[in-house]
Structure formats: structure tokens, C-alpha cells
C-alpha atoms as a PDB file:
ATOM      1  CA  MET A   1     -89.445  13.960 -67.834  1.00  0.00           C
ATOM      2  CA  ALA A   2     -87.377  16.010 -65.610  1.00  0.00           C
ATOM      3  CA  ASN A   3     -89.129  18.749 -63.758  1.00  0.00           C
ATOM      4  CA  ILE A   4     -87.454  22.022 -64.154  1.00  0.00           C
ATOM      5  CA  VAL A   5     -88.656  25.485 -63.216  1.00  0.00           C
ATOM      6  CA  PHE A   6     -87.629  28.528 -65.339  1.00  0.00           C
ATOM      7  CA  TYR A   7     -87.689  32.177 -64.475  1.00  0.00           C
ATOM      8  CA  VAL A   8     -87.666  34.202 -67.398  1.00  0.00           C
ATOM      9  CA  ILE A   9     -88.696  37.937 -67.765  1.00  0.00           C
ATOM     10  CA  MET A  10     -91.124  37.914 -70.420  1.00  0.00           C
ATOM     11  CA  ASP A  11     -92.048  40.780 -72.796  1.00  0.00           C
ATOM     12  CA  PRO A  12     -95.866  41.469 -73.436  1.00  0.00           C
ATOM     13  CA  MET A  13     -97.325  38.699 -75.436  1.00  0.00           C
ATOM     14  CA  ASP A  14     -99.497  38.992 -78.398  1.00  0.00           C
ATOM     15  CA  LYS A  15    -103.298  39.138 -77.198  1.00  0.00           C
ATOM     16  CA  THR A  16    -104.126  36.323 -79.569  1.00  0.00           C
ATOM     17  CA  LEU A  17    -101.472  33.959 -78.035  1.00  0.00           C
ATOM     18  CA  GLN A  18    -102.593  34.821 -74.500  1.00  0.00           C
ATOM     19  CA  ALA A  19    -106.177  34.306 -75.486  1.00  0.00           C
ATOM     20  CA  ILE A  20    -105.388  30.851 -76.702  1.00  0.00           C
ATOM     21  CA  LEU A  21    -103.352  29.960 -73.549  1.00  0.00           C
ATOM     22  CA  ASP A  22    -106.160  31.219 -71.237  1.00  0.00           C
ATOM     23  CA  SER A  23    -108.658  29.511 -73.325  1.00  0.00           C
ATOM     24  CA  VAL A  24    -106.979  25.947 -72.858  1.00  0.00           C
ATOM     25  CA  GLY A  25    -105.911  26.893 -69.006  1.00  0.00           C
ATOM     26  CA  SER A  26    -109.613  27.375 -68.388  1.00  0.00           C
ATOM     27  CA  ILE A  27    -110.060  23.647 -68.952  1.00  0.00           C
ATOM     28  CA  ILE A  28    -106.889  22.083 -68.210  1.00  0.00           C
ATOM     29  CA  LEU A  29    -106.167  23.426 -64.745  1.00  0.00           C
ATOM     30  CA  GLY A  30    -102.964  23.798 -62.988  1.00  0.00           C
ATOM     31  CA  LYS A  31    -100.746  22.830 -65.807  1.00  0.00           C
ATOM     32  CA  GLU A  32     -99.264  26.036 -67.183  1.00  0.00           C
ATOM     33  CA  VAL A  33     -95.965  24.610 -68.524  1.00  0.00           C
ATOM     34  CA  GLN A  34     -97.454  21.557 -70.300  1.00  0.00           C
ATOM     35  CA  ILE A  35     -99.992  23.946 -71.794  1.00  0.00           C
ATOM     36  CA  ARG A  36     -97.407  26.239 -73.099  1.00  0.00           C
ATOM     37  CA  LEU A  37     -95.259  23.624 -74.375  1.00  0.00           C
ATOM     38  CA  ALA A  38     -98.382  21.893 -76.324  1.00  0.00           C
ATOM     39  CA  VAL A  39     -99.035  25.199 -77.902  1.00  0.00           C
ATOM     40  CA  ALA A  40     -95.675  25.870 -78.645  1.00  0.00           C
ATOM     41  CA  CYS A  41     -95.500  22.315 -80.400  1.00  0.00           C
ATOM     42  CA  LEU A  42     -98.394  23.308 -82.730  1.00  0.00           C
ATOM     43  CA  LEU A  43     -97.104  26.698 -83.495  1.00  0.00           C
ATOM     44  CA  ALA A  44     -93.697  25.072 -84.584  1.00  0.00           C
ATOM     45  CA  ARG A  45     -95.859  23.029 -86.836  1.00  0.00           C
ATOM     46  CA  GLY A  46     -94.929  19.643 -85.008  1.00  0.00           C
ATOM     47  CA  HIS A  47     -96.784  16.700 -83.830  1.00  0.00           C
ATOM     48  CA  LEU A  48     -97.412  16.069 -80.066  1.00  0.00           C
ATOM     49  CA  LEU A  49     -97.008  12.900 -78.060  1.00  0.00           C
ATOM     50  CA  ILE A  50     -98.624  12.921 -74.484  1.00  0.00           C
ATOM     51  CA  GLU A  51     -97.671   9.979 -72.278  1.00  0.00           C
ATOM     52  CA  ASP A  52     -98.993   9.516 -69.125  1.00  0.00           C
ATOM     53  CA  LEU A  53    -101.432   7.406 -66.814  1.00  0.00           C
ATOM     54  CA  PRO A  54    -105.123   7.086 -67.843  1.00  0.00           C
ATOM     55  CA  GLY A  55    -107.385   9.755 -66.544  1.00  0.00           C
ATOM     56  CA  VAL A  56    -105.104  12.748 -66.224  1.00  0.00           C
ATOM     57  CA  GLY A  57    -106.510  14.863 -69.218  1.00  0.00           C
ATOM     58  CA  LYS A  58    -104.584  13.516 -72.205  1.00  0.00           C
ATOM     59  CA  THR A  59    -107.551  13.320 -74.575  1.00  0.00           C
ATOM     60  CA  THR A  60    -109.156  16.516 -73.098  1.00  0.00           C
ATOM     61  CA  LEU A  61    -106.236  18.532 -73.797  1.00  0.00           C
ATOM     62  CA  ALA A  62    -106.138  17.396 -77.479  1.00  0.00           C
ATOM     63  CA  HIS A  63    -109.924  18.398 -77.742  1.00  0.00           C
ATOM     64  CA  VAL A  64    -109.496  21.550 -76.070  1.00  0.00           C
ATOM     65  CA  LEU A  65    -106.646  22.517 -78.511  1.00  0.00           C
ATOM     66  CA  ALA A  66    -108.624  21.666 -81.414  1.00  0.00           C
ATOM     67  CA  ARG A  67    -111.481  23.638 -80.267  1.00  0.00           C
ATOM     68  CA  THR A  68    -109.368  26.810 -79.220  1.00  0.00           C
ATOM     69  CA  LEU A  69    -107.478  26.650 -82.620  1.00  0.00           C
ATOM     70  CA  GLY A  70    -110.507  26.274 -84.810  1.00  0.00           C
ATOM     71  CA  LEU A  71    -109.424  22.932 -86.439  1.00  0.00           C
ATOM     72  CA  ASP A  72    -111.402  20.235 -87.828  1.00  0.00           C
ATOM     73  CA  TYR A  73    -110.926  17.311 -85.291  1.00  0.00           C
ATOM     74  CA  GLN A  74    -111.109  13.477 -85.538  1.00  0.00           C
ATOM     75  CA  ARG A  75    -110.519  10.890 -82.746  1.00  0.00           C
ATOM     76  CA  ILE A  76    -109.275   7.614 -83.743  1.00  0.00           C
ATOM     77  CA  GLN A  77    -109.413   5.152 -80.722  1.00  0.00           C
ATOM     78  CA  PHE A  78    -106.279   2.710 -81.293  1.00  0.00           C
ATOM     79  CA  THR A  79    -107.123  -0.723 -80.742  1.00  0.00           C
ATOM     80  CA  SER A  80    -105.368  -4.076 -81.273  1.00  0.00           C
ATOM     81  CA  ASP A  81    -107.709  -5.024 -84.087  1.00  0.00           C
ATOM     82  CA  LEU A  82    -107.607  -1.526 -85.936  1.00  0.00           C
ATOM     83  CA  LEU A  83    -106.291  -1.777 -89.498  1.00  0.00           C
ATOM     84  CA  PRO A  84    -104.441   1.026 -91.541  1.00  0.00           C
ATOM     85  CA  ALA A  85    -107.505   1.215 -93.695  1.00  0.00           C
ATOM     86  CA  ASP A  86    -109.595   2.267 -90.679  1.00  0.00           C
ATOM     87  CA  ILE A  87    -107.189   5.221 -90.601  1.00  0.00           C
ATOM     88  CA  LEU A  88    -106.275   6.121 -94.099  1.00  0.00           C
ATOM     89  CA  GLY A  89    -109.449   5.151 -96.080  1.00  0.00           C
ATOM     90  CA  VAL A  90    -110.619   2.605 -98.569  1.00  0.00           C
ATOM     91  CA  SER A  91    -111.829   2.317-102.090  1.00  0.00           C
ATOM     92  CA  ILE A  92    -115.188   0.668-102.498  1.00  0.00           C
ATOM     93  CA  TYR A  93    -116.736  -0.441-105.911  1.00  0.00           C
ATOM     94  CA  ASP A  94    -119.729   1.784-106.757  1.00  0.00           C
ATOM     95  CA  ARG A  95    -121.904  -0.010-109.095  1.00  0.00           C
ATOM     96  CA  ALA A  96    -123.679   2.962-110.318  1.00  0.00           C
ATOM     97  CA  ALA A  97    -120.465   4.770-111.298  1.00  0.00           C
ATOM     98  CA  GLY A  98    -118.998   1.734-112.490  1.00  0.00           C
ATOM     99  CA  GLY A  99    -115.767   1.896-110.623  1.00  0.00           C
ATOM    100  CA  PHE A 100    -113.929   2.225-107.537  1.00  0.00           C
ATOM    101  CA  GLN A 101    -114.783   5.357-105.258  1.00  0.00           C
ATOM    102  CA  PHE A 102    -112.348   6.474-102.421  1.00  0.00           C
ATOM    103  CA  HIS A 103    -113.613   7.120 -99.116  1.00  0.00           C
ATOM    104  CA  PRO A 104    -111.416   9.027 -96.987  1.00  0.00           C
ATOM    105  CA  GLY A 105    -110.545   7.724 -93.576  1.00  0.00           C
ATOM    106  CA  PRO A 106    -110.464  10.112 -90.376  1.00  0.00           C
ATOM    107  CA  VAL A 107    -106.761  11.064 -91.144  1.00  0.00           C
ATOM    108  CA  PHE A 108    -108.137  13.655 -93.494  1.00  0.00           C
ATOM    109  CA  SER A 109    -108.709  16.284 -90.896  1.00  0.00           C
ATOM    110  CA  GLN A 110    -106.627  19.044 -89.661  1.00  0.00           C
ATOM    111  CA  LEU A 111    -106.169  17.549 -86.168  1.00  0.00           C
ATOM    112  CA  ILE A 112    -105.980  14.021 -85.450  1.00  0.00           C
ATOM    113  CA  LEU A 113    -106.234  12.484 -81.877  1.00  0.00           C
ATOM    114  CA  ALA A 114    -104.532   9.127 -82.116  1.00  0.00           C
ATOM    115  CA  ASP A 115    -105.935   7.871 -78.724  1.00  0.00           C
ATOM    116  CA  GLU A 116    -103.762   5.153 -76.923  1.00  0.00           C
ATOM    117  CA  ILE A 117    -101.624   4.882 -80.124  1.00  0.00           C
ATOM    118  CA  ASN A 118     -99.446   2.226 -78.356  1.00  0.00           C
ATOM    119  CA  ARG A 119    -102.365  -0.231 -78.006  1.00  0.00           C
ATOM    120  CA  ALA A 120    -102.476  -0.749 -81.860  1.00  0.00           C
ATOM    121  CA  THR A 121    -100.110  -3.051 -83.679  1.00  0.00           C
ATOM    122  CA  PRO A 122     -97.007  -1.791 -85.167  1.00  0.00           C
ATOM    123  CA  LYS A 123     -98.389  -2.135 -88.753  1.00  0.00           C
ATOM    124  CA  THR A 124    -101.293   0.301 -87.857  1.00  0.00           C
ATOM    125  CA  GLN A 125     -99.060   2.738 -86.084  1.00  0.00           C
ATOM    126  CA  SER A 126     -96.839   2.997 -89.012  1.00  0.00           C
ATOM    127  CA  ALA A 127     -99.856   3.905 -91.135  1.00  0.00           C
ATOM    128  CA  LEU A 128     -99.438   7.642 -89.809  1.00  0.00           C
ATOM    129  CA  LEU A 129     -95.815   7.724 -90.479  1.00  0.00           C
ATOM    130  CA  GLU A 130     -96.053   9.352 -94.092  1.00  0.00           C
ATOM    131  CA  ALA A 131     -98.911  11.398 -92.977  1.00  0.00           C
ATOM    132  CA  MET A 132     -96.841  13.002 -90.154  1.00  0.00           C
ATOM    133  CA  GLU A 133     -93.900  13.471 -92.280  1.00  0.00           C
ATOM    134  CA  GLU A 134     -95.102  14.512 -95.591  1.00  0.00           C
ATOM    135  CA  GLY A 135     -98.664  15.747 -95.046  1.00  0.00           C
ATOM    136  CA  GLN A 136     -99.777  13.199 -97.518  1.00  0.00           C
ATOM    137  CA  ILE A 137    -100.898   9.661 -97.799  1.00  0.00           C
ATOM    138  CA  THR A 138    -100.467   6.969-100.401  1.00  0.00           C
ATOM    139  CA  VAL A 139    -103.272   4.525-100.937  1.00  0.00           C
ATOM    140  CA  GLU A 140    -103.371   1.963-103.683  1.00  0.00           C
ATOM    141  CA  GLY A 141    -100.646   3.786-105.543  1.00  0.00           C
ATOM    142  CA  GLU A 142    -102.208   7.186-105.428  1.00  0.00           C
ATOM    143  CA  THR A 143    -100.879   9.938-103.391  1.00  0.00           C
ATOM    144  CA  ARG A 144    -103.455  12.297-101.736  1.00  0.00           C
ATOM    145  CA  LYS A 145    -102.754  15.554-100.019  1.00  0.00           C
ATOM    146  CA  LEU A 146    -104.074  16.028 -96.215  1.00  0.00           C
ATOM    147  CA  PRO A 147    -105.497  19.172 -95.036  1.00  0.00           C
ATOM    148  CA  GLU A 148    -103.152  22.252 -94.198  1.00  0.00           C
ATOM    149  CA  PRO A 149    -102.523  22.515 -91.349  1.00  0.00           C
ATOM    150  CA  PHE A 150    -102.280  18.889 -90.277  1.00  0.00           C
ATOM    151  CA  PHE A 151    -101.631  17.790 -86.712  1.00  0.00           C
ATOM    152  CA  VAL A 152    -101.199  14.507 -84.966  1.00  0.00           C
ATOM    153  CA  ILE A 153    -101.688  14.576 -81.101  1.00  0.00           C
ATOM    154  CA  ALA A 154    -101.248  11.106 -79.881  1.00  0.00           C
ATOM    155  CA  THR A 155    -101.787   9.804 -76.464  1.00  0.00           C
ATOM    156  CA  GLN A 156    -100.080   6.793 -74.960  1.00  0.00           C
ATOM    157  CA  ASN A 157    -100.255   4.908 -71.669  1.00  0.00           C
ATOM    158  CA  PRO A 158     -96.785   3.973 -70.054  1.00  0.00           C
ATOM    159  CA  THR A 159     -95.390   1.030 -71.698  1.00  0.00           C
ATOM    160  CA  PHE A 160     -95.318  -0.978 -68.498  1.00  0.00           C
ATOM    161  CA  GLN A 161     -99.041  -1.359 -68.977  1.00  0.00           C
ATOM    162  CA  ILE A 162    -100.568  -4.715 -70.335  1.00  0.00           C
ATOM    163  CA  GLY A 163    -101.651  -4.630 -74.029  1.00  0.00           C
ATOM    164  CA  THR A 164     -99.327  -1.991 -75.189  1.00  0.00           C
ATOM    165  CA  PHE A 165     -96.845  -1.956 -78.424  1.00  0.00           C
ATOM    166  CA  PRO A 166     -94.079   0.493 -77.749  1.00  0.00           C
ATOM    167  CA  LEU A 167     -93.652   2.979 -80.633  1.00  0.00           C
ATOM    168  CA  PRO A 168     -90.553   2.384 -82.773  1.00  0.00           C
ATOM    169  CA  GLU A 169     -87.860   4.912 -82.724  1.00  0.00           C
ATOM    170  CA  SER A 170     -88.522   6.030 -86.485  1.00  0.00           C
ATOM    171  CA  GLN A 171     -92.168   6.978 -85.600  1.00  0.00           C
ATOM    172  CA  LEU A 172     -91.116   8.572 -82.063  1.00  0.00           C
ATOM    173  CA  ASP A 173     -88.887  10.761 -84.056  1.00  0.00           C
ATOM    174  CA  ARG A 174     -91.622  12.278 -86.112  1.00  0.00           C
ATOM    175  CA  PHE A 175     -93.244  13.861 -82.820  1.00  0.00           C
ATOM    176  CA  LEU A 176     -91.554  17.209 -82.291  1.00  0.00           C
ATOM    177  CA  MET A 177     -92.336  16.924 -78.525  1.00  0.00           C
ATOM    178  CA  ARG A 178     -93.457  14.390 -75.908  1.00  0.00           C
ATOM    179  CA  ILE A 179     -94.879  15.796 -72.683  1.00  0.00           C
ATOM    180  CA  GLU A 180     -96.433  14.479 -69.502  1.00  0.00           C
ATOM    181  CA  LEU A 181     -99.310  15.885 -67.609  1.00  0.00           C
ATOM    182  CA  GLY A 182     -99.201  14.246 -64.185  1.00  0.00           C
ATOM    183  CA  TYR A 183    -101.521  14.652 -61.391  1.00  0.00           C
ATOM    184  CA  PRO A 184    -103.053  17.974 -60.835  1.00  0.00           C
ATOM    185  CA  GLY A 185    -102.065  20.013 -57.598  1.00  0.00           C
ATOM    186  CA  ALA A 186    -104.255  20.089 -54.726  1.00  0.00           C
ATOM    187  CA  ALA A 187    -105.931  23.617 -55.484  1.00  0.00           C
ATOM    188  CA  ALA A 188    -106.591  22.701 -59.210  1.00  0.00           C
ATOM    189  CA  GLU A 189    -107.877  19.167 -58.483  1.00  0.00           C
ATOM    190  CA  ARG A 190    -110.297  20.935 -55.938  1.00  0.00           C
ATOM    191  CA  GLU A 191    -111.499  23.544 -58.337  1.00  0.00           C
ATOM    192  CA  MET A 192    -111.953  20.495 -60.891  1.00  0.00           C
ATOM    193  CA  LEU A 193    -114.074  18.393 -58.423  1.00  0.00           C
ATOM    194  CA  ALA A 194    -116.144  21.488 -57.385  1.00  0.00           C
ATOM    195  CA  GLY A 195    -116.763  22.955 -60.905  1.00  0.00           C
ATOM    196  CA  ALA A 196    -118.667  22.024 -64.037  1.00  0.00           C
ATOM    197  CA  ASP A 197    -118.057  18.991 -65.995  1.00  0.00           C
ATOM    198  CA  ARG A 198    -114.791  19.276 -68.221  1.00  0.00           C
ATOM    199  CA  ARG A 199    -116.618  17.866 -71.309  1.00  0.00           C
ATOM    200  CA  ALA A 200    -119.365  20.412 -71.008  1.00  0.00           C
ATOM    201  CA  LEU A 201    -117.004  23.269 -70.673  1.00  0.00           C
ATOM    202  CA  THR A 202    -114.957  22.091 -73.597  1.00  0.00           C
ATOM    203  CA  ALA A 203    -118.047  21.689 -75.807  1.00  0.00           C
ATOM    204  CA  ALA A 204    -118.859  25.343 -75.076  1.00  0.00           C
ATOM    205  CA  LEU A 205    -115.534  26.630 -76.110  1.00  0.00           C
ATOM    206  CA  LEU A 206    -115.263  29.187 -78.928  1.00  0.00           C
ATOM    207  CA  PRO A 207    -112.341  29.221 -81.407  1.00  0.00           C
ATOM    208  CA  VAL A 208    -109.679  31.930 -80.591  1.00  0.00           C
ATOM    209  CA  VAL A 209    -108.250  31.868 -84.070  1.00  0.00           C
ATOM    210  CA  ASP A 210    -109.053  30.680 -87.662  1.00  0.00           C
ATOM    211  CA  THR A 211    -107.019  28.939 -90.017  1.00  0.00           C
ATOM    212  CA  ALA A 212    -105.493  31.952 -91.617  1.00  0.00           C
ATOM    213  CA  GLY A 213    -104.792  33.415 -88.147  1.00  0.00           C
ATOM    214  CA  LEU A 214    -102.940  29.929 -86.910  1.00  0.00           C
ATOM    215  CA  ARG A 215    -100.878  30.059 -90.238  1.00  0.00           C
ATOM    216  CA  ALA A 216     -99.703  33.605 -89.417  1.00  0.00           C
ATOM    217  CA  LEU A 217     -98.701  32.681 -85.861  1.00  0.00           C
ATOM    218  CA  GLN A 218     -96.634  29.934 -87.281  1.00  0.00           C
ATOM    219  CA  GLU A 219     -95.037  32.254 -89.716  1.00  0.00           C
ATOM    220  CA  GLN A 220     -94.118  34.505 -86.735  1.00  0.00           C
ATOM    221  CA  ALA A 221     -92.565  31.346 -84.951  1.00  0.00           C
ATOM    222  CA  ALA A 222     -90.568  30.352 -87.786  1.00  0.00           C
ATOM    223  CA  ALA A 223     -89.072  34.025 -88.163  1.00  0.00           C
ATOM    224  CA  VAL A 224     -87.868  34.206 -84.675  1.00  0.00           C
ATOM    225  CA  HIS A 225     -84.185  35.006 -84.907  1.00  0.00           C
ATOM    226  CA  ALA A 226     -81.420  32.678 -83.741  1.00  0.00           C
ATOM    227  CA  SER A 227     -78.026  34.393 -83.422  1.00  0.00           C
ATOM    228  CA  PRO A 228     -74.808  32.453 -84.475  1.00  0.00           C
ATOM    229  CA  ALA A 229     -73.998  32.155 -80.856  1.00  0.00           C
ATOM    230  CA  LEU A 230     -77.318  30.372 -80.191  1.00  0.00           C
ATOM    231  CA  ILE A 231     -76.817  28.106 -83.034  1.00  0.00           C
ATOM    232  CA  ASP A 232     -73.447  27.193 -81.527  1.00  0.00           C
ATOM    233  CA  TYR A 233     -75.030  26.487 -78.295  1.00  0.00           C
ATOM    234  CA  VAL A 234     -77.445  24.127 -79.700  1.00  0.00           C
ATOM    235  CA  GLN A 235     -74.773  22.216 -81.872  1.00  0.00           C
ATOM    236  CA  SER A 236     -72.628  21.979 -78.535  1.00  0.00           C
ATOM    237  CA  LEU A 237     -75.649  20.065 -77.134  1.00  0.00           C
ATOM    238  CA  LEU A 238     -75.961  17.770 -80.131  1.00  0.00           C
ATOM    239  CA  GLU A 239     -72.184  16.934 -80.053  1.00  0.00           C
ATOM    240  CA  PHE A 240     -72.364  16.121 -76.560  1.00  0.00           C
ATOM    241  CA  SER A 241     -75.153  13.702 -76.906  1.00  0.00           C
ATOM    242  CA  ARG A 242     -73.046  11.979 -79.761  1.00  0.00           C
ATOM    243  CA  GLU A 243     -69.891  11.962 -77.859  1.00  0.00           C
ATOM    244  CA  SER A 244     -71.043  11.102 -74.364  1.00  0.00           C
ATOM    245  CA  THR A 245     -70.784   7.714 -72.983  1.00  0.00           C
ATOM    246  CA  HIS A 246     -74.249   8.218 -71.410  1.00  0.00           C
ATOM    247  CA  TYR A 247     -76.125   7.470 -74.584  1.00  0.00           C
ATOM    248  CA  ALA A 248     -76.497   4.558 -76.852  1.00  0.00           C
ATOM    249  CA  THR A 249     -76.909   7.094 -79.914  1.00  0.00           C
ATOM    250  CA  GLY A 250     -76.805  10.775 -80.140  1.00  0.00           C
ATOM    251  CA  LEU A 251     -79.203  13.398 -81.249  1.00  0.00           C
ATOM    252  CA  SER A 252     -79.711  13.570 -85.205  1.00  0.00           C
ATOM    253  CA  PRO A 253     -79.883  16.688 -87.247  1.00  0.00           C
ATOM    254  CA  ARG A 254     -83.597  16.424 -87.277  1.00  0.00           C
ATOM    255  CA  ALA A 255     -83.535  16.606 -83.395  1.00  0.00           C
ATOM    256  CA  GLY A 256     -81.618  19.766 -83.645  1.00  0.00           C
ATOM    257  CA  LEU A 257     -83.887  21.371 -86.149  1.00  0.00           C
ATOM    258  CA  ALA A 258     -86.859  20.348 -83.906  1.00  0.00           C
ATOM    259  CA  LEU A 259     -85.068  21.879 -80.926  1.00  0.00           C
ATOM    260  CA  LEU A 260     -84.612  25.202 -82.739  1.00  0.00           C
ATOM    261  CA  ARG A 261     -88.433  25.141 -83.959  1.00  0.00           C
ATOM    262  CA  GLY A 262     -89.692  24.447 -80.450  1.00  0.00           C
ATOM    263  CA  ALA A 263     -87.388  27.074 -78.881  1.00  0.00           C
ATOM    264  CA  ARG A 264     -88.580  29.704 -81.577  1.00  0.00           C
ATOM    265  CA  ALA A 265     -92.195  28.888 -80.840  1.00  0.00           C
ATOM    266  CA  TRP A 266     -91.456  29.294 -76.994  1.00  0.00           C
ATOM    267  CA  ALA A 267     -89.817  32.586 -77.568  1.00  0.00           C
ATOM    268  CA  LEU A 268     -92.947  33.918 -79.456  1.00  0.00           C
ATOM    269  CA  LEU A 269     -95.119  32.929 -76.667  1.00  0.00           C
ATOM    270  CA  ALA A 270     -92.663  34.798 -74.308  1.00  0.00           C
ATOM    271  CA  GLY A 271     -93.220  37.921 -76.628  1.00  0.00           C
ATOM    272  CA  ARG A 272     -89.869  37.897 -78.255  1.00  0.00           C
ATOM    273  CA  ASP A 273     -88.724  37.631 -81.783  1.00  0.00           C
ATOM    274  CA  TYR A 274     -85.276  36.550 -80.908  1.00  0.00           C
ATOM    275  CA  LEU A 275     -84.118  33.278 -79.154  1.00  0.00           C
ATOM    276  CA  LEU A 276     -82.369  32.906 -75.751  1.00  0.00           C
ATOM    277  CA  PRO A 277     -80.773  29.923 -74.324  1.00  0.00           C
ATOM    278  CA  GLU A 278     -83.509  29.807 -71.702  1.00  0.00           C
ATOM    279  CA  ASP A 279     -85.820  29.035 -74.834  1.00  0.00           C
ATOM    280  CA  VAL A 280     -83.738  26.072 -75.826  1.00  0.00           C
ATOM    281  CA  GLN A 281     -83.514  24.993 -72.258  1.00  0.00           C
ATOM    282  CA  ALA A 282     -87.168  25.243 -71.638  1.00  0.00           C
ATOM    283  CA  VAL A 283     -88.342  22.911 -74.544  1.00  0.00           C
ATOM    284  CA  LEU A 284     -85.120  20.628 -74.495  1.00  0.00           C
ATOM    285  CA  PRO A 285     -86.776  17.829 -72.158  1.00  0.00           C
ATOM    286  CA  GLY A 286     -89.939  17.530 -74.266  1.00  0.00           C
ATOM    287  CA  VAL A 287     -87.842  17.557 -77.615  1.00  0.00           C
ATOM    288  CA  VAL A 288     -85.163  15.353 -76.933  1.00  0.00           C
ATOM    289  CA  GLY A 289     -86.465  12.978 -74.048  1.00  0.00           C
ATOM    290  CA  HIS A 290     -87.998  10.658 -76.498  1.00  0.00           C
ATOM    291  CA  ARG A 291     -85.241  10.779 -78.854  1.00  0.00           C
ATOM    292  CA  LEU A 292     -82.357   9.785 -76.426  1.00  0.00           C
ATOM    293  CA  GLN A 293     -81.711   6.263 -75.013  1.00  0.00           C
ATOM    294  CA  GLY A 294     -79.352   5.603 -72.276  1.00  0.00           C
ATOM    295  CA  ARG A 295     -76.393   3.205 -72.757  1.00  0.00           C
ATOM    296  CA  ASP A 296     -78.441   0.887 -70.607  1.00  0.00           C
ATOM    297  CA  ARG A 297     -81.210   0.607 -72.716  1.00  0.00           C
ATOM    298  CA  GLU A 298     -83.289  -1.073 -70.080  1.00  0.00           C
ATOM    299  CA  ASP A 299     -83.296   2.186 -68.109  1.00  0.00           C
ATOM    300  CA  GLY A 300     -86.845   3.731 -68.777  1.00  0.00           C
ATOM    301  CA  ASP A 301     -86.602   6.804 -66.441  1.00  0.00           C
ATOM    302  CA  PRO A 302     -86.340   9.769 -68.727  1.00  0.00           C
ATOM    303  CA  ALA A 303     -85.236  12.147 -66.021  1.00  0.00           C
ATOM    304  CA  ARG A 304     -82.218   9.924 -65.278  1.00  0.00           C
ATOM    305  CA  VAL A 305     -81.550   9.486 -69.128  1.00  0.00           C
ATOM    306  CA  LEU A 306     -81.749  13.403 -69.787  1.00  0.00           C
ATOM    307  CA  ARG A 307     -79.705  14.260 -66.344  1.00  0.00           C
ATOM    308  CA  PRO A 308     -76.095  14.715 -68.113  1.00  0.00           C
ATOM    309  CA  LEU A 309     -77.478  16.663 -71.198  1.00  0.00           C
ATOM    310  CA  LEU A 310     -79.489  18.910 -68.792  1.00  0.00           C
ATOM    311  CA  GLU A 311     -76.736  19.485 -66.773  1.00  0.00           C
ATOM    312  CA  LEU A 312     -74.703  20.739 -69.598  1.00  0.00           C
ATOM    313  CA  ALA A 313     -77.518  22.732 -70.881  1.00  0.00           C
ATOM    314  CA  ILE A 314     -78.160  24.471 -67.519  1.00  0.00           C
ATOM    315  CA  PRO A 315     -74.874  25.006 -65.725  1.00  0.00           C
END
């Protein structure tokens, strides 16, 4: 992902939003932009994909978000032998009741951490598709609603590592954003090494909001105003991606909607109830980086793939 620094004059932020960012930032050190993107993704009712090397804090970030937002949390460790039923649940015959009883799987939680999702087979990966898109699952012909709110935070290792199955484009598109954490800066790493254990600190975190409070913040994000000129700006980015010779395929309408949703949440975090082009620019790499492929599909460098679109977005 391209590293871009934005200097935006921000209005005073809602105290609850500031408390959320401060809570997450007390555990995940030196990653202010990534934390803000992750929180914006959840405020926009989106699912988050974190791709990076093992050991840089992907799982910790997911756990901290769940604790801070007061969400029921389940971690699913994806492995090559994981089956769809291990995620969704299974019906087991109950002799006393004289029939089959459904035993819900871990997907029936408000926040799911799909850890190392690309280590599972495509069949198991696809078990999350309906859940991520519709907020429900269908098991043995019966549709069951999932809790509200419902988020999937998935982590994956770089695809060049042994034993990984790349996510198909249809599933990548269900993630509102993809972010990378990267190594911490020297000062943050020193504080981490000299400080308390991150797991102990995470366990001690108290929720900043409850479910009702989170829903209210999501409604505020959805209500952020986008002017006609701002809509034109987003549409010009979509059209460029479709007409440019740099890309194998352009951005879909769903990608445009995701871009606006993410930008609205980013604006809310900046203390505004209206969108600026800078909000779109700030979330653009995270929202479209996993949706665009270069004309040369072998080019796996997201920064190089995104560069033509970023040059248009940020003159």
C-alpha cells in the first residue's frame, strides 16, 4: 500500500470517538493512521482485511477493537483442515428431543477474527461470503440471522509464504478495506519492549461504547453529507480506473459506494459532518488497493498498481 501523509485541519472530535482511538492507540503503538482506518472501517459497517507479516500485531489489533467497542468476540484459526461446519455450525441428533438440534458455530458473534484466513482452503473461505454480505447464513436449507452489528476482521500472511491460498476476487470485494501495519517505528518499538505485555494490557481494557452507542456512531457516519461536486470527484476516479490502460478491470459501483462509506467515516473522525476530497484520498488506498489489478496481473506491488489512480486523486 502506498505510504501517503495527509495534513488536514481537523475540527474537534466527538469525545467518544477520541476515547476509542486513544484506547486502541494505547496498545497498538505508533500506528495512528492504521488505527484510524480500522475504526473508520467499522464505523462504515465494513469488514476489514489486515495483510502483513506474522508478529506485527494483526491479531492484537482485532482483539483490541473488540474490547474497546464492547463487542462479543470469537477468534477462528484458519488452517488447511478447517471445514465450513467448523465456522457456521452443525446439526446434531438429540436423542432426548427426538430430532436434530442446531449448534451454532463461532460465526454467531458480533466480531469474528478470521486469523490467517488464506491458510484455509477456498471452500472454507467461501463459507464466510454470505455472512459478510447479508448478515446471515444458510445451513441445511434454513436461513439464520447473525448478531447486529456483525464484523469480520480477517488477517492474512503475504501470499508468497508457504501454505497460503489467495482469496478470490469475489471475497476480497466483501472487505471494505485492506490495511497493512508494518514494523513499528524505533520509539514505539522501544516503548513496547520496555512496557507491559500487550496481552495483559488488552485483557485490562474496558469498553468505551456499548452496542447502542456504536450504532449511533455508525448512523452519524452514514449521515455525513457528500456534495454533488464530491460525488462527481468519486465518479471521475471510478471512470479513470475503467478507462485506464493501467488496469485489467476497473472499479465496480460497489467499490464506489465503499469509497464513500469509508470517506464519510473518516470525515466523522475528523470532526466534520461533510465530506472533503481529502477524506476520499485518505481512505482510497485502503478501499481500492485490493480491488484493482494491474494490466500485468503478475505485478503484486500494491503501491505500483495504485500509483496512476493516486496521481489523479492527489494532483
